[in-house]
Amino acid sequence: MTYEQVKSLKSEDFKRLCGIRPETFNQMLEVVRCLRRAAPTPSQSKQKTGRPSKLTLEDQLLMTLEYWREYRTYFHIGQSR
């Protein structure tokens, strides 16, 4: 399931799926967004390499929370999407 499919769930169902309430999810998402926008420190001055992610930031966070909640492999979580 993608975040677009999950965000319309009731609060109890959302928590059952990923272990946190939607309000907490949104707070976590804001923290991650702020960290991505923050200016790099001298130790982080290297330019990112590699392929850009196909998943949105919301989907990445949701996938991580599902992994932590169920301890399924990323392969299995990816197959359920």
Protein backbone atom coordinates (compact mmCIF):
# COMPACT_ATOMS: atom_id res chain seq x y z
CA MET A 1 0.00 0.00 0.00
CA THR A 2 1.19 3.49 -0.75
CA TYR A 3 0.77 6.48 1.51
CA GLU A 4 -1.96 7.80 -0.80
CA GLN A 5 -3.97 4.64 -0.09
CA VAL A 6 -3.21 4.60 3.63
CA LYS A 7 -3.77 8.24 4.53
CA SER A 8 -7.56 7.87 4.29
CA LEU A 9 -7.66 5.07 6.89
CA LYS A 10 -9.18 5.70 10.29
CA SER A 11 -6.65 6.61 12.98
CA GLU A 12 -6.98 3.20 14.67
CA ASP A 13 -6.44 1.33 11.39
CA PHE A 14 -3.45 3.51 10.48
CA LYS A 15 -1.89 2.76 13.86
CA ARG A 16 -2.60 -0.93 13.43
CA LEU A 17 -0.80 -0.90 10.08
CA CYS A 18 2.39 0.96 11.00
CA GLY A 19 2.39 1.30 14.78
CA ILE A 20 1.92 5.06 15.12
CA ARG A 21 -0.96 7.50 14.81
CA PRO A 22 -1.29 9.65 11.67
CA GLU A 23 -0.43 12.78 13.68
CA THR A 24 2.86 11.21 14.77
CA PHE A 25 3.53 10.13 11.18
CA ASN A 26 3.07 13.71 9.99
CA GLN A 27 5.41 15.01 12.70
CA MET A 28 8.05 12.45 11.74
CA LEU A 29 7.63 13.41 8.08
CA GLU A 30 8.23 17.08 8.90
CA VAL A 31 11.42 16.22 10.80
CA VAL A 32 12.73 14.19 7.85
CA ARG A 33 11.84 16.99 5.42
CA CYS A 34 13.64 19.56 7.59
CA LEU A 35 16.73 17.36 7.76
CA ARG A 36 16.75 16.96 3.99
CA ARG A 37 16.52 20.73 3.48
CA ALA A 38 19.15 21.58 6.09
CA ALA A 39 22.45 22.90 4.87
CA PRO A 40 25.14 20.22 4.83
CA THR A 41 27.87 20.35 7.43
CA PRO A 42 31.51 20.20 6.31
CA SER A 43 31.59 16.45 6.94
CA GLN A 44 28.50 16.02 4.72
CA SER A 45 29.78 18.16 1.85
CA LYS A 46 30.02 15.20 -0.54
CA GLN A 47 27.54 15.25 -3.39
CA LYS A 48 25.00 12.44 -3.38
CA THR A 49 25.57 9.78 -5.97
CA GLY A 50 23.40 6.98 -7.25
CA ARG A 51 19.98 6.68 -8.67
CA PRO A 52 17.21 8.93 -7.34
CA SER A 53 14.52 7.17 -5.33
CA LYS A 54 11.31 6.18 -7.07
CA LEU A 55 9.43 6.32 -3.78
CA THR A 56 8.10 9.52 -2.29
CA LEU A 57 9.35 10.56 1.12
CA GLU A 58 5.96 9.56 2.58
CA ASP A 59 6.22 6.08 1.06
CA GLN A 60 9.80 5.68 2.30
CA LEU A 61 8.76 6.54 5.85
CA LEU A 62 5.71 4.28 5.69
CA MET A 63 7.82 1.42 4.37
CA THR A 64 10.36 1.89 7.18
CA LEU A 65 7.64 1.91 9.82
CA GLU A 66 6.06 -1.23 8.36
CA TYR A 67 9.47 -2.90 8.44
CA TRP A 68 10.04 -1.97 12.08
CA ARG A 69 6.54 -3.09 13.03
CA GLU A 70 6.48 -6.46 11.27
CA TYR A 71 10.17 -7.27 10.62
CA ARG A 72 9.29 -8.38 7.11
CA THR A 73 12.00 -8.03 4.51
CA TYR A 74 11.92 -5.05 2.18
CA PHE A 75 11.38 -7.52 -0.65
CA HIS A 76 8.14 -8.73 0.91
CA ILE A 77 6.98 -5.23 1.75
CA GLY A 78 7.71 -4.17 -1.84
CA GLN A 79 5.68 -7.09 -3.19
CA SER A 80 2.66 -5.96 -1.18
CA ARG A 81 2.69 -2.52 -2.87
